[in-house]
Amino acid sequence: KDESFVFTASRDRLIKLGKLTCDLEAHLI
């Protein structure tokens, strides 16, 4: 309930993995 992982896929050929906290603070992993 406090955090989620977010994966984004792009036209720049990268997949980025980030961590999103319940207060909407995001960090790239």
mmCIF file of all heavy atoms, coordinates in Angstrom:
data_MODEL
# 
_entry.id   MODEL 
# 
loop_
_atom_site.group_PDB 
_atom_site.id 
_atom_site.type_symbol 
_atom_site.label_atom_id 
_atom_site.label_alt_id 
_atom_site.label_comp_id 
_atom_site.label_asym_id 
_atom_site.label_entity_id 
_atom_site.label_seq_id 
_atom_site.pdbx_PDB_ins_code 
_atom_site.Cartn_x 
_atom_site.Cartn_y 
_atom_site.Cartn_z 
_atom_site.occupancy 
_atom_site.B_iso_or_equiv 
_atom_site.pdbx_formal_charge 
_atom_site.auth_seq_id 
_atom_site.auth_comp_id 
_atom_site.auth_asym_id 
_atom_site.auth_atom_id 
_atom_site.pdbx_PDB_model_num 
ATOM 1   N N   . LYS A 1 1  ? 0.822  -1.212 0.000   1.00 0.00 ? 1  LYS A N   1 
ATOM 2   C CA  . LYS A 1 1  ? 0.000  0.000  0.000   1.00 0.00 ? 1  LYS A CA  1 
ATOM 3   C C   . LYS A 1 1  ? 0.858  1.265  0.000   1.00 0.00 ? 1  LYS A C   1 
ATOM 4   O O   . LYS A 1 1  ? 0.377  2.346  -0.292  1.00 0.00 ? 1  LYS A O   1 
ATOM 5   C CB  . LYS A 1 1  ? -0.968 0.007  1.171   1.00 0.00 ? 1  LYS A CB  1 
ATOM 6   C CG  . LYS A 1 1  ? -0.290 0.112  2.513   1.00 0.00 ? 1  LYS A CG  1 
ATOM 7   C CD  . LYS A 1 1  ? -1.295 0.159  3.624   1.00 0.00 ? 1  LYS A CD  1 
ATOM 8   C CE  . LYS A 1 1  ? -0.555 0.370  4.950   1.00 0.00 ? 1  LYS A CE  1 
ATOM 9   N NZ  . LYS A 1 1  ? -1.449 0.635  6.033   1.00 0.00 ? 1  LYS A NZ  1 
ATOM 10  N N   . ASP A 1 2  ? 2.152  1.114  0.296   1.00 0.00 ? 2  ASP A N   1 
ATOM 11  C CA  . ASP A 1 2  ? 3.038  2.265  0.395   1.00 0.00 ? 2  ASP A CA  1 
ATOM 12  C C   . ASP A 1 2  ? 3.906  2.520  -0.832  1.00 0.00 ? 2  ASP A C   1 
ATOM 13  O O   . ASP A 1 2  ? 4.427  3.611  -1.001  1.00 0.00 ? 2  ASP A O   1 
ATOM 14  C CB  . ASP A 1 2  ? 3.958  2.116  1.615   1.00 0.00 ? 2  ASP A CB  1 
ATOM 15  C CG  . ASP A 1 2  ? 3.182  2.120  2.914   1.00 0.00 ? 2  ASP A CG  1 
ATOM 16  O OD1 . ASP A 1 2  ? 2.162  2.829  2.997   1.00 0.00 ? 2  ASP A OD1 1 
ATOM 17  O OD2 . ASP A 1 2  ? 3.593  1.405  3.841   1.00 0.00 ? 2  ASP A OD2 1 
ATOM 18  N N   . GLU A 1 3  ? 4.086  1.506  -1.680  1.00 0.00 ? 3  GLU A N   1 
ATOM 19  C CA  . GLU A 1 3  ? 4.945  1.714  -2.849  1.00 0.00 ? 3  GLU A CA  1 
ATOM 20  C C   . GLU A 1 3  ? 4.555  0.801  -4.000  1.00 0.00 ? 3  GLU A C   1 
ATOM 21  O O   . GLU A 1 3  ? 3.976  -0.257 -3.800  1.00 0.00 ? 3  GLU A O   1 
ATOM 22  C CB  . GLU A 1 3  ? 6.419  1.527  -2.501  1.00 0.00 ? 3  GLU A CB  1 
ATOM 23  C CG  . GLU A 1 3  ? 6.814  0.112  -2.188  1.00 0.00 ? 3  GLU A CG  1 
ATOM 24  C CD  . GLU A 1 3  ? 8.291  -0.042 -1.869  1.00 0.00 ? 3  GLU A CD  1 
ATOM 25  O OE1 . GLU A 1 3  ? 8.959  0.945  -1.527  1.00 0.00 ? 3  GLU A OE1 1 
ATOM 26  O OE2 . GLU A 1 3  ? 8.777  -1.170 -1.960  1.00 0.00 ? 3  GLU A OE2 1 
ATOM 27  N N   . SER A 1 4  ? 4.908  1.251  -5.190  1.00 0.00 ? 4  SER A N   1 
ATOM 28  C CA  . SER A 1 4  ? 4.679  0.492  -6.415  1.00 0.00 ? 4  SER A CA  1 
ATOM 29  C C   . SER A 1 4  ? 5.895  0.642  -7.307  1.00 0.00 ? 4  SER A C   1 
ATOM 30  O O   . SER A 1 4  ? 6.639  1.620  -7.219  1.00 0.00 ? 4  SER A O   1 
ATOM 31  C CB  . SER A 1 4  ? 3.464  1.040  -7.174  1.00 0.00 ? 4  SER A CB  1 
ATOM 32  O OG  . SER A 1 4  ? 2.297  0.929  -6.420  1.00 0.00 ? 4  SER A OG  1 
ATOM 33  N N   . PHE A 1 5  ? 6.080  -0.331 -8.184  1.00 0.00 ? 5  PHE A N   1 
ATOM 34  C CA  . PHE A 1 5  ? 7.083  -0.200 -9.224  1.00 0.00 ? 5  PHE A CA  1 
ATOM 35  C C   . PHE A 1 5  ? 6.377  0.255  -10.495 1.00 0.00 ? 5  PHE A C   1 
ATOM 36  O O   . PHE A 1 5  ? 5.267  -0.189 -10.794 1.00 0.00 ? 5  PHE A O   1 
ATOM 37  C CB  . PHE A 1 5  ? 7.802  -1.525 -9.475  1.00 0.00 ? 5  PHE A CB  1 
ATOM 38  C CG  . PHE A 1 5  ? 8.722  -1.914 -8.354  1.00 0.00 ? 5  PHE A CG  1 
ATOM 39  C CD1 . PHE A 1 5  ? 8.414  -2.966 -7.525  1.00 0.00 ? 5  PHE A CD1 1 
ATOM 40  C CD2 . PHE A 1 5  ? 9.901  -1.218 -8.137  1.00 0.00 ? 5  PHE A CD2 1 
ATOM 41  C CE1 . PHE A 1 5  ? 9.253  -3.329 -6.484  1.00 0.00 ? 5  PHE A CE1 1 
ATOM 42  C CE2 . PHE A 1 5  ? 10.747 -1.561 -7.096  1.00 0.00 ? 5  PHE A CE2 1 
ATOM 43  C CZ  . PHE A 1 5  ? 10.421 -2.626 -6.276  1.00 0.00 ? 5  PHE A CZ  1 
ATOM 44  N N   . VAL A 1 6  ? 7.018  1.147  -11.229 1.00 0.00 ? 6  VAL A N   1 
ATOM 45  C CA  . VAL A 1 6  ? 6.462  1.668  -12.465 1.00 0.00 ? 6  VAL A CA  1 
ATOM 46  C C   . VAL A 1 6  ? 7.453  1.380  -13.583 1.00 0.00 ? 6  VAL A C   1 
ATOM 47  O O   . VAL A 1 6  ? 8.641  1.709  -13.479 1.00 0.00 ? 6  VAL A O   1 
ATOM 48  C CB  . VAL A 1 6  ? 6.217  3.193  -12.371 1.00 0.00 ? 6  VAL A CB  1 
ATOM 49  C CG1 . VAL A 1 6  ? 5.665  3.733  -13.673 1.00 0.00 ? 6  VAL A CG1 1 
ATOM 50  C CG2 . VAL A 1 6  ? 5.286  3.517  -11.219 1.00 0.00 ? 6  VAL A CG2 1 
ATOM 51  N N   . PHE A 1 7  ? 6.967  0.738  -14.638 1.00 0.00 ? 7  PHE A N   1 
ATOM 52  C CA  . PHE A 1 7  ? 7.777  0.449  -15.817 1.00 0.00 ? 7  PHE A CA  1 
ATOM 53  C C   . PHE A 1 7  ? 7.253  1.296  -16.966 1.00 0.00 ? 7  PHE A C   1 
ATOM 54  O O   . PHE A 1 7  ? 6.044  1.331  -17.196 1.00 0.00 ? 7  PHE A O   1 
ATOM 55  C CB  . PHE A 1 7  ? 7.666  -1.028 -16.206 1.00 0.00 ? 7  PHE A CB  1 
ATOM 56  C CG  . PHE A 1 7  ? 8.092  -1.979 -15.138 1.00 0.00 ? 7  PHE A CG  1 
ATOM 57  C CD1 . PHE A 1 7  ? 7.195  -2.444 -14.189 1.00 0.00 ? 7  PHE A CD1 1 
ATOM 58  C CD2 . PHE A 1 7  ? 9.405  -2.419 -15.080 1.00 0.00 ? 7  PHE A CD2 1 
ATOM 59  C CE1 . PHE A 1 7  ? 7.583  -3.339 -13.206 1.00 0.00 ? 7  PHE A CE1 1 
ATOM 60  C CE2 . PHE A 1 7  ? 9.805  -3.312 -14.088 1.00 0.00 ? 7  PHE A CE2 1 
ATOM 61  C CZ  . PHE A 1 7  ? 8.891  -3.765 -13.151 1.00 0.00 ? 7  PHE A CZ  1 
ATOM 62  N N   . THR A 1 8  ? 8.147  1.969  -17.675 1.00 0.00 ? 8  THR A N   1 
ATOM 63  C CA  . THR A 1 8  ? 7.750  2.749  -18.850 1.00 0.00 ? 8  THR A CA  1 
ATOM 64  C C   . THR A 1 8  ? 8.578  2.296  -20.045 1.00 0.00 ? 8  THR A C   1 
ATOM 65  O O   . THR A 1 8  ? 9.773  2.061  -19.929 1.00 0.00 ? 8  THR A O   1 
ATOM 66  C CB  . THR A 1 8  ? 7.957  4.256  -18.613 1.00 0.00 ? 8  THR A CB  1 
ATOM 67  O OG1 . THR A 1 8  ? 9.320  4.495  -18.233 1.00 0.00 ? 8  THR A OG1 1 
ATOM 68  C CG2 . THR A 1 8  ? 7.027  4.776  -17.531 1.00 0.00 ? 8  THR A CG2 1 
ATOM 69  N N   . ALA A 1 9  ? 7.910  2.160  -21.186 1.00 0.00 ? 9  ALA A N   1 
ATOM 70  C CA  . ALA A 1 9  ? 8.574  1.744  -22.424 1.00 0.00 ? 9  ALA A CA  1 
ATOM 71  C C   . ALA A 1 9  ? 8.434  2.869  -23.439 1.00 0.00 ? 9  ALA A C   1 
ATOM 72  O O   . ALA A 1 9  ? 7.354  3.443  -23.589 1.00 0.00 ? 9  ALA A O   1 
ATOM 73  C CB  . ALA A 1 9  ? 7.935  0.466  -22.958 1.00 0.00 ? 9  ALA A CB  1 
ATOM 74  N N   . SER A 1 10 ? 9.521  3.148  -24.142 1.00 0.00 ? 10 SER A N   1 
ATOM 75  C CA  . SER A 1 10 ? 9.553  4.347  -24.958 1.00 0.00 ? 10 SER A CA  1 
ATOM 76  C C   . SER A 1 10 ? 10.073 4.110  -26.363 1.00 0.00 ? 10 SER A C   1 
ATOM 77  O O   . SER A 1 10 ? 10.674 3.087  -26.679 1.00 0.00 ? 10 SER A O   1 
ATOM 78  C CB  . SER A 1 10 ? 10.431 5.388  -24.263 1.00 0.00 ? 10 SER A CB  1 
ATOM 79  O OG  . SER A 1 10 ? 10.619 6.523  -25.047 1.00 0.00 ? 10 SER A OG  1 
ATOM 80  N N   . ARG A 1 11 ? 9.876  5.132  -27.177 1.00 0.00 ? 11 ARG A N   1 
ATOM 81  C CA  . ARG A 1 11 ? 10.413 5.144  -28.540 1.00 0.00 ? 11 ARG A CA  1 
ATOM 82  C C   . ARG A 1 11 ? 11.916 5.393  -28.555 1.00 0.00 ? 11 ARG A C   1 
ATOM 83  O O   . ARG A 1 11 ? 12.541 5.336  -29.593 1.00 0.00 ? 11 ARG A O   1 
ATOM 84  C CB  . ARG A 1 11 ? 9.702  6.212  -29.358 1.00 0.00 ? 11 ARG A CB  1 
ATOM 85  C CG  . ARG A 1 11 ? 8.244  5.919  -29.522 1.00 0.00 ? 11 ARG A CG  1 
ATOM 86  C CD  . ARG A 1 11 ? 7.534  7.013  -30.257 1.00 0.00 ? 11 ARG A CD  1 
ATOM 87  N NE  . ARG A 1 11 ? 6.106  6.759  -30.185 1.00 0.00 ? 11 ARG A NE  1 
ATOM 88  C CZ  . ARG A 1 11 ? 5.196  7.700  -30.291 1.00 0.00 ? 11 ARG A CZ  1 
ATOM 89  N NH1 . ARG A 1 11 ? 5.550  8.955  -30.474 1.00 0.00 ? 11 ARG A NH1 1 
ATOM 90  N NH2 . ARG A 1 11 ? 3.928  7.392  -30.207 1.00 0.00 ? 11 ARG A NH2 1 
ATOM 91  N N   . ASP A 1 12 ? 12.496 5.663  -27.377 1.00 0.00 ? 12 ASP A N   1 
ATOM 92  C CA  . ASP A 1 12 ? 13.950 5.844  -27.301 1.00 0.00 ? 12 ASP A CA  1 
ATOM 93  C C   . ASP A 1 12 ? 14.670 4.515  -27.066 1.00 0.00 ? 12 ASP A C   1 
ATOM 94  O O   . ASP A 1 12 ? 15.840 4.497  -26.773 1.00 0.00 ? 12 ASP A O   1 
ATOM 95  C CB  . ASP A 1 12 ? 14.334 6.859  -26.224 1.00 0.00 ? 12 ASP A CB  1 
ATOM 96  C CG  . ASP A 1 12 ? 13.980 6.434  -24.799 1.00 0.00 ? 12 ASP A CG  1 
ATOM 97  O OD1 . ASP A 1 12 ? 13.536 5.290  -24.592 1.00 0.00 ? 12 ASP A OD1 1 
ATOM 98  O OD2 . ASP A 1 12 ? 14.134 7.261  -23.883 1.00 0.00 ? 12 ASP A OD2 1 
ATOM 99  N N   . ARG A 1 13 ? 13.941 3.391  -27.159 1.00 0.00 ? 13 ARG A N   1 
ATOM 100 C CA  . ARG A 1 13 ? 14.409 2.011  -27.046 1.00 0.00 ? 13 ARG A CA  1 
ATOM 101 C C   . ARG A 1 13 ? 14.652 1.559  -25.610 1.00 0.00 ? 13 ARG A C   1 
ATOM 102 O O   . ARG A 1 13 ? 15.109 0.454  -25.362 1.00 0.00 ? 13 ARG A O   1 
ATOM 103 C CB  . ARG A 1 13 ? 15.634 1.723  -27.913 1.00 0.00 ? 13 ARG A CB  1 
ATOM 104 C CG  . ARG A 1 13 ? 16.935 2.303  -27.399 1.00 0.00 ? 13 ARG A CG  1 
ATOM 105 C CD  . ARG A 1 13 ? 18.120 1.889  -28.234 1.00 0.00 ? 13 ARG A CD  1 
ATOM 106 N NE  . ARG A 1 13 ? 19.317 2.485  -27.747 1.00 0.00 ? 13 ARG A NE  1 
ATOM 107 C CZ  . ARG A 1 13 ? 19.919 2.183  -26.596 1.00 0.00 ? 13 ARG A CZ  1 
ATOM 108 N NH1 . ARG A 1 13 ? 19.434 1.265  -25.819 1.00 0.00 ? 13 ARG A NH1 1 
ATOM 109 N NH2 . ARG A 1 13 ? 21.024 2.793  -26.235 1.00 0.00 ? 13 ARG A NH2 1 
ATOM 110 N N   . LEU A 1 14 ? 14.334 2.395  -24.611 1.00 0.00 ? 14 LEU A N   1 
ATOM 111 C CA  . LEU A 1 14 ? 14.587 2.060  -23.219 1.00 0.00 ? 14 LEU A CA  1 
ATOM 112 C C   . LEU A 1 14 ? 13.313 1.676  -22.482 1.00 0.00 ? 14 LEU A C   1 
ATOM 113 O O   . LEU A 1 14 ? 12.229 2.169  -22.787 1.00 0.00 ? 14 LEU A O   1 
ATOM 114 C CB  . LEU A 1 14 ? 15.205 3.251  -22.490 1.00 0.00 ? 14 LEU A CB  1 
ATOM 115 C CG  . LEU A 1 14 ? 16.593 3.697  -22.931 1.00 0.00 ? 14 LEU A CG  1 
ATOM 116 C CD1 . LEU A 1 14 ? 16.983 4.973  -22.192 1.00 0.00 ? 14 LEU A CD1 1 
ATOM 117 C CD2 . LEU A 1 14 ? 17.609 2.609  -22.702 1.00 0.00 ? 14 LEU A CD2 1 
ATOM 118 N N   . ILE A 1 15 ? 13.489 0.807  -21.487 1.00 0.00 ? 15 ILE A N   1 
ATOM 119 C CA  . ILE A 1 15 ? 12.467 0.546  -20.485 1.00 0.00 ? 15 ILE A CA  1 
ATOM 120 C C   . ILE A 1 15 ? 13.044 1.082  -19.183 1.00 0.00 ? 15 ILE A C   1 
ATOM 121 O O   . ILE A 1 15 ? 14.165 0.741  -18.811 1.00 0.00 ? 15 ILE A O   1 
ATOM 122 C CB  . ILE A 1 15 ? 12.166 -0.959 -20.347 1.00 0.00 ? 15 ILE A CB  1 
ATOM 123 C CG1 . ILE A 1 15 ? 11.673 -1.531 -21.673 1.00 0.00 ? 15 ILE A CG1 1 
ATOM 124 C CG2 . ILE A 1 15 ? 11.154 -1.203 -19.231 1.00 0.00 ? 15 ILE A CG2 1 
ATOM 125 C CD1 . ILE A 1 15 ? 11.649 -3.043 -21.706 1.00 0.00 ? 15 ILE A CD1 1 
ATOM 126 N N   . LYS A 1 16 ? 12.304 1.947  -18.532 1.00 0.00 ? 16 LYS A N   1 
ATOM 127 C CA  . LYS A 1 16 ? 12.776 2.501  -17.261 1.00 0.00 ? 16 LYS A CA  1 
ATOM 128 C C   . LYS A 1 16 ? 11.952 1.899  -16.129 1.00 0.00 ? 16 LYS A C   1 
ATOM 129 O O   . LYS A 1 16 ? 10.743 1.740  -16.240 1.00 0.00 ? 16 LYS A O   1 
ATOM 130 C CB  . LYS A 1 16 ? 12.662 4.023  -17.249 1.00 0.00 ? 16 LYS A CB  1 
ATOM 131 C CG  . LYS A 1 16 ? 13.662 4.678  -18.206 1.00 0.00 ? 16 LYS A CG  1 
ATOM 132 C CD  . LYS A 1 16 ? 13.718 6.166  -18.019 1.00 0.00 ? 16 LYS A CD  1 
ATOM 133 C CE  . LYS A 1 16 ? 14.761 6.786  -18.913 1.00 0.00 ? 16 LYS A CE  1 
ATOM 134 N NZ  . LYS A 1 16 ? 16.109 6.665  -18.420 1.00 0.00 ? 16 LYS A NZ  1 
ATOM 135 N N   . LEU A 1 17 ? 12.646 1.561  -15.053 1.00 0.00 ? 17 LEU A N   1 
ATOM 136 C CA  . LEU A 1 17 ? 12.016 1.024  -13.860 1.00 0.00 ? 17 LEU A CA  1 
ATOM 137 C C   . LEU A 1 17 ? 12.153 2.059  -12.760 1.00 0.00 ? 17 LEU A C   1 
ATOM 138 O O   . LEU A 1 17 ? 13.259 2.505  -12.452 1.00 0.00 ? 17 LEU A O   1 
ATOM 139 C CB  . LEU A 1 17 ? 12.692 -0.283 -13.439 1.00 0.00 ? 17 LEU A CB  1 
ATOM 140 C CG  . LEU A 1 17 ? 12.416 -0.800 -12.039 1.00 0.00 ? 17 LEU A CG  1 
ATOM 141 C CD1 . LEU A 1 17 ? 10.932 -1.026 -11.806 1.00 0.00 ? 17 LEU A CD1 1 
ATOM 142 C CD2 . LEU A 1 17 ? 13.194 -2.083 -11.785 1.00 0.00 ? 17 LEU A CD2 1 
ATOM 143 N N   . GLY A 1 18 ? 11.030 2.464  -12.199 1.00 0.00 ? 18 GLY A N   1 
ATOM 144 C CA  . GLY A 1 18 ? 11.032 3.426  -11.106 1.00 0.00 ? 18 GLY A CA  1 
ATOM 145 C C   . GLY A 1 18 ? 10.209 2.931  -9.940  1.00 0.00 ? 18 GLY A C   1 
ATOM 146 O O   . GLY A 1 18 ? 9.404  2.012  -10.078 1.00 0.00 ? 18 GLY A O   1 
ATOM 147 N N   . LYS A 1 19 ? 10.428 3.527  -8.793  1.00 0.00 ? 19 LYS A N   1 
ATOM 148 C CA  . LYS A 1 19 ? 9.655  3.214  -7.595  1.00 0.00 ? 19 LYS A CA  1 
ATOM 149 C C   . LYS A 1 19 ? 8.809  4.435  -7.274  1.00 0.00 ? 19 LYS A C   1 
ATOM 150 O O   . LYS A 1 19 ? 9.305  5.558  -7.235  1.00 0.00 ? 19 LYS A O   1 
ATOM 151 C CB  . LYS A 1 19 ? 10.578 2.894  -6.429  1.00 0.00 ? 19 LYS A CB  1 
ATOM 152 C CG  . LYS A 1 19 ? 9.824  2.398  -5.203  1.00 0.00 ? 19 LYS A CG  1 
ATOM 153 C CD  . LYS A 1 19 ? 10.757 2.113  -4.048  1.00 0.00 ? 19 LYS A CD  1 
ATOM 154 C CE  . LYS A 1 19 ? 11.516 0.845  -4.290  1.00 0.00 ? 19 LYS A CE  1 
ATOM 155 N NZ  . LYS A 1 19 ? 12.280 0.403  -3.108  1.00 0.00 ? 19 LYS A NZ  1 
ATOM 156 N N   . LEU A 1 20 ? 7.516  4.208  -7.041  1.00 0.00 ? 20 LEU A N   1 
ATOM 157 C CA  . LEU A 1 20 ? 6.569  5.267  -6.742  1.00 0.00 ? 20 LEU A CA  1 
ATOM 158 C C   . LEU A 1 20 ? 6.024  5.036  -5.344  1.00 0.00 ? 20 LEU A C   1 
ATOM 159 O O   . LEU A 1 20 ? 5.494  3.972  -5.048  1.00 0.00 ? 20 LEU A O   1 
ATOM 160 C CB  . LEU A 1 20 ? 5.437  5.252  -7.770  1.00 0.00 ? 20 LEU A CB  1 
ATOM 161 C CG  . LEU A 1 20 ? 4.348  6.293  -7.638  1.00 0.00 ? 20 LEU A CG  1 
ATOM 162 C CD1 . LEU A 1 20 ? 4.921  7.685  -7.884  1.00 0.00 ? 20 LEU A CD1 1 
ATOM 163 C CD2 . LEU A 1 20 ? 3.230  6.001  -8.624  1.00 0.00 ? 20 LEU A CD2 1 
ATOM 164 N N   . THR A 1 21 ? 6.171  6.034  -4.468  1.00 0.00 ? 21 THR A N   1 
ATOM 165 C CA  . THR A 1 21 ? 5.679  5.905  -3.091  1.00 0.00 ? 21 THR A CA  1 
ATOM 166 C C   . THR A 1 21 ? 4.242  6.414  -3.008  1.00 0.00 ? 21 THR A C   1 
ATOM 167 O O   . THR A 1 21 ? 3.738  7.058  -3.933  1.00 0.00 ? 21 THR A O   1 
ATOM 168 C CB  . THR A 1 21 ? 6.565  6.688  -2.108  1.00 0.00 ? 21 THR A CB  1 
ATOM 169 O OG1 . THR A 1 21 ? 6.503  8.077  -2.440  1.00 0.00 ? 21 THR A OG1 1 
ATOM 170 C CG2 . THR A 1 21 ? 8.006  6.202  -2.165  1.00 0.00 ? 21 THR A CG2 1 
ATOM 171 N N   . CYS A 1 22 ? 3.594  6.145  -1.880  1.00 0.00 ? 22 CYS A N   1 
ATOM 172 C CA  . CYS A 1 22 ? 2.189  6.533  -1.709  1.00 0.00 ? 22 CYS A CA  1 
ATOM 173 C C   . CYS A 1 22 ? 2.004  8.052  -1.737  1.00 0.00 ? 22 CYS A C   1 
ATOM 174 O O   . CYS A 1 22 ? 0.926  8.535  -2.054  1.00 0.00 ? 22 CYS A O   1 
ATOM 175 C CB  . CYS A 1 22 ? 1.617  5.935  -0.436  1.00 0.00 ? 22 CYS A CB  1 
ATOM 176 S SG  . CYS A 1 22 ? 2.422  6.491  1.065   1.00 0.00 ? 22 CYS A SG  1 
ATOM 177 N N   . ASP A 1 23 ? 3.045  8.822  -1.427  1.00 0.00 ? 23 ASP A N   1 
ATOM 178 C CA  . ASP A 1 23 ? 2.940  10.281 -1.506  1.00 0.00 ? 23 ASP A CA  1 
ATOM 179 C C   . ASP A 1 23 ? 3.359  10.804 -2.880  1.00 0.00 ? 23 ASP A C   1 
ATOM 180 O O   . ASP A 1 23 ? 3.674  11.975 -3.043  1.00 0.00 ? 23 ASP A O   1 
ATOM 181 C CB  . ASP A 1 23 ? 3.738  10.948 -0.384  1.00 0.00 ? 23 ASP A CB  1 
ATOM 182 C CG  . ASP A 1 23 ? 5.211  10.582 -0.402  1.00 0.00 ? 23 ASP A CG  1 
ATOM 183 O OD1 . ASP A 1 23 ? 5.606  9.716  -1.201  1.00 0.00 ? 23 ASP A OD1 1 
ATOM 184 O OD2 . ASP A 1 23 ? 5.965  11.162 0.392   1.00 0.00 ? 23 ASP A OD2 1 
ATOM 185 N N   . LEU A 1 24 ? 3.379  9.903  -3.877  1.00 0.00 ? 24 LEU A N   1 
ATOM 186 C CA  . LEU A 1 24 ? 3.671  10.202 -5.279  1.00 0.00 ? 24 LEU A CA  1 
ATOM 187 C C   . LEU A 1 24 ? 5.091  10.702 -5.519  1.00 0.00 ? 24 LEU A C   1 
ATOM 188 O O   . LEU A 1 24 ? 5.359  11.429 -6.461  1.00 0.00 ? 24 LEU A O   1 
ATOM 189 C CB  . LEU A 1 24 ? 2.648  11.194 -5.856  1.00 0.00 ? 24 LEU A CB  1 
ATOM 190 C CG  . LEU A 1 24 ? 1.200  10.719 -5.822  1.00 0.00 ? 24 LEU A CG  1 
ATOM 191 C CD1 . LEU A 1 24 ? 0.286  11.756 -6.446  1.00 0.00 ? 24 LEU A CD1 1 
ATOM 192 C CD2 . LEU A 1 24 ? 1.046  9.383  -6.526  1.00 0.00 ? 24 LEU A CD2 1 
ATOM 193 N N   . GLU A 1 25 ? 5.999  10.296 -4.664  1.00 0.00 ? 25 GLU A N   1 
ATOM 194 C CA  . GLU A 1 25 ? 7.413  10.582 -4.881  1.00 0.00 ? 25 GLU A CA  1 
ATOM 195 C C   . GLU A 1 25 ? 7.979  9.441  -5.725  1.00 0.00 ? 25 GLU A C   1 
ATOM 196 O O   . GLU A 1 25 ? 7.812  8.271  -5.412  1.00 0.00 ? 25 GLU A O   1 
ATOM 197 C CB  . GLU A 1 25 ? 8.144  10.670 -3.551  1.00 0.00 ? 25 GLU A CB  1 
ATOM 198 C CG  . GLU A 1 25 ? 9.556  11.181 -3.674  1.00 0.00 ? 25 GLU A CG  1 
ATOM 199 C CD  . GLU A 1 25 ? 10.190 11.384 -2.303  1.00 0.00 ? 25 GLU A CD  1 
ATOM 200 O OE1 . GLU A 1 25 ? 9.543  11.981 -1.434  1.00 0.00 ? 25 GLU A OE1 1 
ATOM 201 O OE2 . GLU A 1 25 ? 11.331 10.921 -2.135  1.00 0.00 ? 25 GLU A OE2 1 
ATOM 202 N N   . ALA A 1 26 ? 8.642  9.783  -6.827  1.00 0.00 ? 26 ALA A N   1 
ATOM 203 C CA  . ALA A 1 26 ? 9.134  8.763  -7.756  1.00 0.00 ? 26 ALA A CA  1 
ATOM 204 C C   . ALA A 1 26 ? 10.650 8.798  -7.839  1.00 0.00 ? 26 ALA A C   1 
ATOM 205 O O   . ALA A 1 26 ? 11.262 9.860  -7.789  1.00 0.00 ? 26 ALA A O   1 
ATOM 206 C CB  . ALA A 1 26 ? 8.532  8.988  -9.137  1.00 0.00 ? 26 ALA A CB  1 
ATOM 207 N N   . HIS A 1 27 ? 11.251 7.607  -7.963  1.00 0.00 ? 27 HIS A N   1 
ATOM 208 C CA  . HIS A 1 27 ? 12.695 7.473  -8.066  1.00 0.00 ? 27 HIS A CA  1 
ATOM 209 C C   . HIS A 1 27 ? 13.027 6.454  -9.143  1.00 0.00 ? 27 HIS A C   1 
ATOM 210 O O   . HIS A 1 27 ? 12.482 5.346  -9.138  1.00 0.00 ? 27 HIS A O   1 
ATOM 211 C CB  . HIS A 1 27 ? 13.301 6.997  -6.738  1.00 0.00 ? 27 HIS A CB  1 
ATOM 212 C CG  . HIS A 1 27 ? 12.990 7.877  -5.587  1.00 0.00 ? 27 HIS A CG  1 
ATOM 213 N ND1 . HIS A 1 27 ? 13.649 9.054  -5.354  1.00 0.00 ? 27 HIS A ND1 1 
ATOM 214 C CD2 . HIS A 1 27 ? 12.066 7.764  -4.613  1.00 0.00 ? 27 HIS A CD2 1 
ATOM 215 C CE1 . HIS A 1 27 ? 13.152 9.626  -4.275  1.00 0.00 ? 27 HIS A CE1 1 
ATOM 216 N NE2 . HIS A 1 27 ? 12.181 8.866  -3.815  1.00 0.00 ? 27 HIS A NE2 1 
ATOM 217 N N   . LEU A 1 28 ? 13.926 6.804  -10.027 1.00 0.00 ? 28 LEU A N   1 
ATOM 218 C CA  . LEU A 1 28 ? 14.392 5.863  -11.039 1.00 0.00 ? 28 LEU A CA  1 
ATOM 219 C C   . LEU A 1 28 ? 15.300 4.832  -10.380 1.00 0.00 ? 28 LEU A C   1 
ATOM 220 O O   . LEU A 1 28 ? 16.184 5.175  -9.606  1.00 0.00 ? 28 LEU A O   1 
ATOM 221 C CB  . LEU A 1 28 ? 15.166 6.584  -12.141 1.00 0.00 ? 28 LEU A CB  1 
ATOM 222 C CG  . LEU A 1 28 ? 15.705 5.699  -13.252 1.00 0.00 ? 28 LEU A CG  1 
ATOM 223 C CD1 . LEU A 1 28 ? 14.579 5.146  -14.111 1.00 0.00 ? 28 LEU A CD1 1 
ATOM 224 C CD2 . LEU A 1 28 ? 16.697 6.460  -14.108 1.00 0.00 ? 28 LEU A CD2 1 
ATOM 225 N N   . ILE A 1 29 ? 15.075 3.555  -10.685 1.00 0.00 ? 29 ILE A N   1 
ATOM 226 C CA  . ILE A 1 29 ? 15.923 2.486  -10.165 1.00 0.00 ? 29 ILE A CA  1 
ATOM 227 C C   . ILE A 1 29 ? 16.952 2.076  -11.204 1.00 0.00 ? 29 ILE A C   1 
ATOM 228 O O   . ILE A 1 29 ? 18.145 2.030  -10.936 1.00 0.00 ? 29 ILE A O   1 
ATOM 229 C CB  . ILE A 1 29 ? 15.085 1.266  -9.731  1.00 0.00 ? 29 ILE A CB  1 
ATOM 230 C CG1 . ILE A 1 29 ? 14.174 1.649  -8.568  1.00 0.00 ? 29 ILE A CG1 1 
ATOM 231 C CG2 . ILE A 1 29 ? 15.979 0.099  -9.341  1.00 0.00 ? 29 ILE A CG2 1 
ATOM 232 C CD1 . ILE A 1 29 ? 13.187 0.579  -8.178  1.00 0.00 ? 29 ILE A CD1 1 
# 
